[in-house]
C-alpha cells in the first residue's frame, strides 16, 4: 500500500501513525492548576531527547475548540511539570487519569493515587510511581493541533532498589513499565530478549 498523507484527513493520519509507531512509552504528567489542584494526565507522545542537557518531550493535542488541555494550560503558566513512568501495578489508575474531569477535581484523588513533595518544582510527584522526573520547561513548539513541551529534568526519583548507583544501571529485572500500543491497547514489558553487544556497536539505537 502507498498512502499519500496529503490526501487523507488529520484524524486518519493520527490513527495510522499512533497505531504504527509503537510501542510508545507513557508519561503520566502532574501539574498544578491556578488554584493549587493537582492535575494528572497520561500522554503517549512522549520520549527522551537527550542527556546534556537532560531533556524529555511531551506532545499534547488541543481540544476540538482549539483550547488547551489542563496539563498544557498549567505548563504554559507555571513552566513546571513532573513526568512519571507507570508500571503494571498502577496501569489501570494511569489509564483512568485520562478521563475528562473538571479543572477543580484532581484525577489522582479520583483514582486513589497519593502524592509526595518534589525537590525543585511545585507540582507533587505520585508516590506509587516507580519513576518520576521533575522538569522545568526548556522550550515550547506549537503546531496547528498540538503544544509540544520540552522539559529539562532537574531531579529523578526512583523506587528504592531500582537503581544500582555504583554502576548507574537500572535493575531491569525489577522494572515493569507498560507501553501504549494501537487503539485502546497497552502492552507489558515482561517478554524480553537481547543481542550480543559488539565492540563497535552504537549506543543510540
C-alpha atoms as a PDB file:
ATOM      1  CA  UNK A   1       0.000   0.000   0.000  1.00  0.00           C
ATOM      2  CA  UNK A   2       1.066   3.554  -0.715  1.00  0.00           C
ATOM      3  CA  UNK A   3      -0.759   6.325   1.123  1.00  0.00           C
ATOM      4  CA  UNK A   4      -0.377   9.983   0.252  1.00  0.00           C
ATOM      5  CA  UNK A   5      -0.671  11.786   3.589  1.00  0.00           C
ATOM      6  CA  UNK A   6      -1.800  14.938   1.820  1.00  0.00           C
ATOM      7  CA  UNK A   7      -4.895  13.080   0.580  1.00  0.00           C
ATOM      8  CA  UNK A   8      -6.220  11.899   3.961  1.00  0.00           C
ATOM      9  CA  UNK A   9      -7.579  13.760   6.971  1.00  0.00           C
ATOM     10  CA  UNK A  10      -5.733  14.854  10.086  1.00  0.00           C
ATOM     11  CA  UNK A  11      -7.604  12.222  12.138  1.00  0.00           C
ATOM     12  CA  UNK A  12      -6.805   9.473   9.632  1.00  0.00           C
ATOM     13  CA  UNK A  13      -3.113  10.406   9.808  1.00  0.00           C
ATOM     14  CA  UNK A  14      -3.296  10.328  13.603  1.00  0.00           C
ATOM     15  CA  UNK A  15      -4.881   6.869  13.655  1.00  0.00           C
ATOM     16  CA  UNK A  16      -2.274   5.429  11.294  1.00  0.00           C
ATOM     17  CA  UNK A  17       0.761   6.998  12.962  1.00  0.00           C
ATOM     18  CA  UNK A  18      -0.410   6.274  16.509  1.00  0.00           C
ATOM     19  CA  UNK A  19      -1.043   2.607  15.701  1.00  0.00           C
ATOM     20  CA  UNK A  20       2.136   2.020  13.674  1.00  0.00           C
ATOM     21  CA  UNK A  21       4.745   3.920  15.693  1.00  0.00           C
ATOM     22  CA  UNK A  22       4.534   1.580  18.658  1.00  0.00           C
ATOM     23  CA  UNK A  23       5.093   0.668  21.376  1.00  0.00           C
ATOM     24  CA  UNK A  24       5.301   4.131  22.915  1.00  0.00           C
ATOM     25  CA  UNK A  25       6.331   4.955  26.483  1.00  0.00           C
ATOM     26  CA  UNK A  26       3.680   6.735  28.504  1.00  0.00           C
ATOM     27  CA  UNK A  27       4.247   9.901  30.506  1.00  0.00           C
ATOM     28  CA  UNK A  28       1.819  10.321  33.394  1.00  0.00           C
ATOM     29  CA  UNK A  29       2.219  14.056  33.982  1.00  0.00           C
ATOM     30  CA  UNK A  30       1.348  16.012  37.105  1.00  0.00           C
ATOM     31  CA  UNK A  31       0.905  19.785  37.098  1.00  0.00           C
ATOM     32  CA  UNK A  32      -0.700  22.373  39.367  1.00  0.00           C
ATOM     33  CA  UNK A  33      -3.768  24.413  38.489  1.00  0.00           C
ATOM     34  CA  UNK A  34      -4.046  28.101  39.287  1.00  0.00           C
ATOM     35  CA  UNK A  35      -5.939  27.196  42.472  1.00  0.00           C
ATOM     36  CA  UNK A  36      -3.467  24.503  43.519  1.00  0.00           C
ATOM     37  CA  UNK A  37      -5.369  21.433  42.305  1.00  0.00           C
ATOM     38  CA  UNK A  38      -3.068  18.574  41.241  1.00  0.00           C
ATOM     39  CA  UNK A  39      -3.832  17.615  37.641  1.00  0.00           C
ATOM     40  CA  UNK A  40      -2.663  14.247  36.274  1.00  0.00           C
ATOM     41  CA  UNK A  41      -2.946  13.016  32.694  1.00  0.00           C
ATOM     42  CA  UNK A  42      -1.246  10.324  30.552  1.00  0.00           C
ATOM     43  CA  UNK A  43       0.418  11.094  27.203  1.00  0.00           C
ATOM     44  CA  UNK A  44       2.000   8.516  24.909  1.00  0.00           C
ATOM     45  CA  UNK A  45       3.539  11.015  22.504  1.00  0.00           C
ATOM     46  CA  UNK A  46       6.487  11.196  24.856  1.00  0.00           C
ATOM     47  CA  UNK A  47      10.182  10.350  24.916  1.00  0.00           C
ATOM     48  CA  UNK A  48      13.657  11.418  25.980  1.00  0.00           C
ATOM     49  CA  UNK A  49      15.528  13.729  23.627  1.00  0.00           C
ATOM     50  CA  UNK A  50      18.998  13.946  25.155  1.00  0.00           C
ATOM     51  CA  UNK A  51      21.186  13.829  28.226  1.00  0.00           C
ATOM     52  CA  UNK A  52      23.157  17.113  28.069  1.00  0.00           C
ATOM     53  CA  UNK A  53      21.024  18.875  28.912  1.00  0.00           C
ATOM     54  CA  UNK A  54      18.753  16.067  30.120  1.00  0.00           C
ATOM     55  CA  UNK A  55      15.543  16.783  28.216  1.00  0.00           C
ATOM     56  CA  UNK A  56      12.259  14.997  27.591  1.00  0.00           C
ATOM     57  CA  UNK A  57       9.346  15.793  25.276  1.00  0.00           C
ATOM     58  CA  UNK A  58       5.595  15.523  25.687  1.00  0.00           C
ATOM     59  CA  UNK A  59       3.164  16.371  22.895  1.00  0.00           C
ATOM     60  CA  UNK A  60      -0.336  17.429  23.962  1.00  0.00           C
ATOM     61  CA  UNK A  61      -3.184  17.768  21.490  1.00  0.00           C
ATOM     62  CA  UNK A  62      -5.560  20.714  21.588  1.00  0.00           C
ATOM     63  CA  UNK A  63      -9.250  20.253  22.325  1.00  0.00           C
ATOM     64  CA  UNK A  64     -11.743  20.322  19.456  1.00  0.00           C
ATOM     65  CA  UNK A  65     -12.430  24.022  20.004  1.00  0.00           C
ATOM     66  CA  UNK A  66      -8.684  24.761  19.907  1.00  0.00           C
ATOM     67  CA  UNK A  67      -8.407  25.312  23.655  1.00  0.00           C
ATOM     68  CA  UNK A  68      -5.540  23.826  25.644  1.00  0.00           C
ATOM     69  CA  UNK A  69      -5.955  20.807  27.874  1.00  0.00           C
ATOM     70  CA  UNK A  70      -5.480  21.374  31.610  1.00  0.00           C
ATOM     71  CA  UNK A  71      -1.955  19.933  31.579  1.00  0.00           C
ATOM     72  CA  UNK A  72      -0.861  22.239  28.752  1.00  0.00           C
ATOM     73  CA  UNK A  73      -2.530  25.253  30.359  1.00  0.00           C
ATOM     74  CA  UNK A  74      -0.717  24.571  33.626  1.00  0.00           C
ATOM     75  CA  UNK A  75       2.689  24.089  31.970  1.00  0.00           C
ATOM     76  CA  UNK A  76       2.343  27.300  29.988  1.00  0.00           C
ATOM     77  CA  UNK A  77       1.552  29.197  33.186  1.00  0.00           C
ATOM     78  CA  UNK A  78       3.968  27.595  35.695  1.00  0.00           C
ATOM     79  CA  UNK A  79       6.701  26.192  33.407  1.00  0.00           C
ATOM     80  CA  UNK A  80       6.916  23.123  35.649  1.00  0.00           C
ATOM     81  CA  UNK A  81       5.710  19.528  35.423  1.00  0.00           C
ATOM     82  CA  UNK A  82       6.550  16.032  36.659  1.00  0.00           C
ATOM     83  CA  UNK A  83       6.760  13.026  34.326  1.00  0.00           C
ATOM     84  CA  UNK A  84       6.049   9.592  35.802  1.00  0.00           C
ATOM     85  CA  UNK A  85       6.522   6.172  34.243  1.00  0.00           C
ATOM     86  CA  UNK A  86       3.620   3.900  35.128  1.00  0.00           C
ATOM     87  CA  UNK A  87       4.173   0.206  35.808  1.00  0.00           C
ATOM     88  CA  UNK A  88       1.789  -2.747  35.777  1.00  0.00           C
ATOM     89  CA  UNK A  89       0.673  -2.173  39.370  1.00  0.00           C
ATOM     90  CA  UNK A  90      -0.752   1.285  38.577  1.00  0.00           C
ATOM     91  CA  UNK A  91      -1.597   0.839  34.882  1.00  0.00           C
ATOM     92  CA  UNK A  92      -5.367   0.968  35.323  1.00  0.00           C
ATOM     93  CA  UNK A  93      -5.152   4.072  37.506  1.00  0.00           C
ATOM     94  CA  UNK A  94      -2.887   5.702  34.923  1.00  0.00           C
ATOM     95  CA  UNK A  95      -5.442   4.928  32.201  1.00  0.00           C
ATOM     96  CA  UNK A  96      -8.285   6.372  34.288  1.00  0.00           C
ATOM     97  CA  UNK A  97      -6.344   9.617  34.722  1.00  0.00           C
ATOM     98  CA  UNK A  98      -7.121  10.206  31.042  1.00  0.00           C
ATOM     99  CA  UNK A  99     -10.813  10.704  31.805  1.00  0.00           C
ATOM    100  CA  UNK A 100     -12.071  14.273  31.418  1.00  0.00           C
ATOM    101  CA  UNK A 101     -12.733  15.819  34.820  1.00  0.00           C
ATOM    102  CA  UNK A 102     -13.473  19.429  35.800  1.00  0.00           C
ATOM    103  CA  UNK A 103     -10.317  21.512  36.387  1.00  0.00           C
ATOM    104  CA  UNK A 104     -11.098  21.748  40.116  1.00  0.00           C
ATOM    105  CA  UNK A 105     -11.111  17.959  40.558  1.00  0.00           C
ATOM    106  CA  UNK A 106      -7.826  16.076  40.922  1.00  0.00           C
ATOM    107  CA  UNK A 107      -7.519  12.930  38.830  1.00  0.00           C
ATOM    108  CA  UNK A 108      -5.203  11.471  41.472  1.00  0.00           C
ATOM    109  CA  UNK A 109      -7.875  11.723  44.156  1.00  0.00           C
ATOM    110  CA  UNK A 110     -10.445  10.249  41.761  1.00  0.00           C
ATOM    111  CA  UNK A 111      -8.354   7.146  41.041  1.00  0.00           C
ATOM    112  CA  UNK A 112      -6.848   6.653  44.503  1.00  0.00           C
ATOM    113  CA  UNK A 113      -3.230   7.731  43.927  1.00  0.00           C
ATOM    114  CA  UNK A 114      -1.334   9.773  46.511  1.00  0.00           C
ATOM    115  CA  UNK A 115       1.428  12.366  46.290  1.00  0.00           C
ATOM    116  CA  UNK A 116       4.805  13.258  47.740  1.00  0.00           C
ATOM    117  CA  UNK A 117       6.550  16.630  47.542  1.00  0.00           C
ATOM    118  CA  UNK A 118       9.158  17.327  44.871  1.00  0.00           C
ATOM    119  CA  UNK A 119      12.596  18.853  45.410  1.00  0.00           C
ATOM    120  CA  UNK A 120      12.777  21.595  42.760  1.00  0.00           C
ATOM    121  CA  UNK A 121       9.285  22.096  41.339  1.00  0.00           C
ATOM    122  CA  UNK A 122       5.914  22.885  42.884  1.00  0.00           C
ATOM    123  CA  UNK A 123       3.805  20.056  41.378  1.00  0.00           C
ATOM    124  CA  UNK A 124       3.985  16.945  43.557  1.00  0.00           C
ATOM    125  CA  UNK A 125       5.040  13.514  42.398  1.00  0.00           C
ATOM    126  CA  UNK A 126       2.977  10.340  42.555  1.00  0.00           C
ATOM    127  CA  UNK A 127       4.006   8.103  45.452  1.00  0.00           C
ATOM    128  CA  UNK A 128       3.045   4.848  43.714  1.00  0.00           C
ATOM    129  CA  UNK A 129       5.048   5.518  40.515  1.00  0.00           C
ATOM    130  CA  UNK A 130       8.355   3.655  40.165  1.00  0.00           C
ATOM    131  CA  UNK A 131       9.964   6.655  38.434  1.00  0.00           C
ATOM    132  CA  UNK A 132       9.364  10.414  38.480  1.00  0.00           C
ATOM    133  CA  UNK A 133      11.273  13.141  36.625  1.00  0.00           C
ATOM    134  CA  UNK A 134      10.948  16.696  37.936  1.00  0.00           C
ATOM    135  CA  UNK A 135      11.018  19.021  34.916  1.00  0.00           C
ATOM    136  CA  UNK A 136      11.177  22.710  34.166  1.00  0.00           C
ATOM    137  CA  UNK A 137      10.133  23.985  30.763  1.00  0.00           C
ATOM    138  CA  UNK A 138      13.054  24.247  28.315  1.00  0.00           C
ATOM    139  CA  UNK A 139      11.222  25.092  25.099  1.00  0.00           C
ATOM    140  CA  UNK A 140       7.758  25.011  23.561  1.00  0.00           C
ATOM    141  CA  UNK A 141       6.883  24.142  19.979  1.00  0.00           C
ATOM    142  CA  UNK A 142       3.427  24.746  18.541  1.00  0.00           C
ATOM    143  CA  UNK A 143       1.615  23.183  15.609  1.00  0.00           C
ATOM    144  CA  UNK A 144      -1.949  23.627  14.426  1.00  0.00           C
ATOM    145  CA  UNK A 145      -3.053  20.683  16.548  1.00  0.00           C
ATOM    146  CA  UNK A 146      -0.516  20.420  19.381  1.00  0.00           C
ATOM    147  CA  UNK A 147       1.581  22.012  22.075  1.00  0.00           C
ATOM    148  CA  UNK A 148       4.954  20.262  22.305  1.00  0.00           C
ATOM    149  CA  UNK A 149       6.764  20.826  25.589  1.00  0.00           C
ATOM    150  CA  UNK A 150      10.452  20.093  26.023  1.00  0.00           C
ATOM    151  CA  UNK A 151      11.349  19.822  29.674  1.00  0.00           C
ATOM    152  CA  UNK A 152      14.712  19.785  31.399  1.00  0.00           C
ATOM    153  CA  UNK A 153      14.982  17.116  34.075  1.00  0.00           C
ATOM    154  CA  UNK A 154      16.051  18.595  37.407  1.00  0.00           C
ATOM    155  CA  UNK A 155      15.585  15.629  39.746  1.00  0.00           C
ATOM    156  CA  UNK A 156      14.931  11.918  39.329  1.00  0.00           C
ATOM    157  CA  UNK A 157      13.021   9.908  41.916  1.00  0.00           C
ATOM    158  CA  UNK A 158      13.112   6.116  41.695  1.00  0.00           C
ATOM    159  CA  UNK A 159      11.652   3.341  43.808  1.00  0.00           C
ATOM    160  CA  UNK A 160      14.091   2.056  46.403  1.00  0.00           C
ATOM    161  CA  UNK A 161      16.315  -0.659  44.945  1.00  0.00           C
ATOM    162  CA  UNK A 162      15.500   0.127  41.316  1.00  0.00           C
ATOM    163  CA  UNK A 163      18.849   1.788  40.543  1.00  0.00           C
ATOM    164  CA  UNK A 164      22.334   0.448  41.221  1.00  0.00           C
ATOM    165  CA  UNK A 165      24.169   3.688  41.979  1.00  0.00           C
ATOM    166  CA  UNK A 166      27.582   2.004  41.899  1.00  0.00           C
ATOM    167  CA  UNK A 167      27.204   1.053  38.226  1.00  0.00           C
ATOM    168  CA  UNK A 168      24.479   3.636  37.448  1.00  0.00           C
ATOM    169  CA  UNK A 169      22.356   0.893  35.986  1.00  0.00           C
ATOM    170  CA  UNK A 170      18.641   0.269  36.313  1.00  0.00           C
ATOM    171  CA  UNK A 171      17.840  -3.158  37.728  1.00  0.00           C
ATOM    172  CA  UNK A 172      15.636  -4.084  34.794  1.00  0.00           C
ATOM    173  CA  UNK A 173      14.564  -7.304  36.498  1.00  0.00           C
ATOM    174  CA  UNK A 174      12.753  -5.052  38.993  1.00  0.00           C
ATOM    175  CA  UNK A 175      11.197  -2.715  36.402  1.00  0.00           C
ATOM    176  CA  UNK A 176       7.921  -3.494  34.599  1.00  0.00           C
ATOM    177  CA  UNK A 177       6.600  -0.371  32.843  1.00  0.00           C
ATOM    178  CA  UNK A 178       3.650  -0.504  30.474  1.00  0.00           C
ATOM    179  CA  UNK A 179       3.552   0.995  26.990  1.00  0.00           C
ATOM    180  CA  UNK A 180       0.873   2.180  24.581  1.00  0.00           C
ATOM    181  CA  UNK A 181       0.035   0.010  21.589  1.00  0.00           C
ATOM    182  CA  UNK A 182      -2.557   0.808  18.933  1.00  0.00           C
ATOM    183  CA  UNK A 183      -6.128   1.987  19.658  1.00  0.00           C
ATOM    184  CA  UNK A 184      -7.020   1.208  23.298  1.00  0.00           C
ATOM    185  CA  UNK A 185      -4.384  -1.493  23.714  1.00  0.00           C
ATOM    186  CA  UNK A 186      -1.442  -1.475  26.100  1.00  0.00           C
ATOM    187  CA  UNK A 187       1.433  -3.935  26.421  1.00  0.00           C
ATOM    188  CA  UNK A 188       3.701  -5.014  29.239  1.00  0.00           C
ATOM    189  CA  UNK A 189       7.457  -5.481  29.067  1.00  0.00           C
ATOM    190  CA  UNK A 190       7.915  -8.929  30.566  1.00  0.00           C
ATOM    191  CA  UNK A 191       8.923 -10.819  27.423  1.00  0.00           C
ATOM    192  CA  UNK A 192      12.417  -9.549  26.696  1.00  0.00           C
ATOM    193  CA  UNK A 193      15.311 -10.601  24.519  1.00  0.00           C
ATOM    194  CA  UNK A 194      18.805  -9.320  23.910  1.00  0.00           C
ATOM    195  CA  UNK A 195      21.559  -9.458  21.331  1.00  0.00           C
ATOM    196  CA  UNK A 196      25.250  -9.727  21.991  1.00  0.00           C
ATOM    197  CA  UNK A 197      26.819  -6.277  22.047  1.00  0.00           C
ATOM    198  CA  UNK A 198      29.628  -5.684  19.555  1.00  0.00           C
ATOM    199  CA  UNK A 199      32.692  -3.569  20.270  1.00  0.00           C
ATOM    200  CA  UNK A 200      31.731  -1.112  17.532  1.00  0.00           C
ATOM    201  CA  UNK A 201      28.012  -1.120  18.363  1.00  0.00           C
ATOM    202  CA  UNK A 202      26.481   2.333  18.643  1.00  0.00           C
ATOM    203  CA  UNK A 203      24.525   3.099  21.808  1.00  0.00           C
ATOM    204  CA  UNK A 204      21.756   5.196  20.288  1.00  0.00           C
ATOM    205  CA  UNK A 205      19.508   2.512  18.838  1.00  0.00           C
END
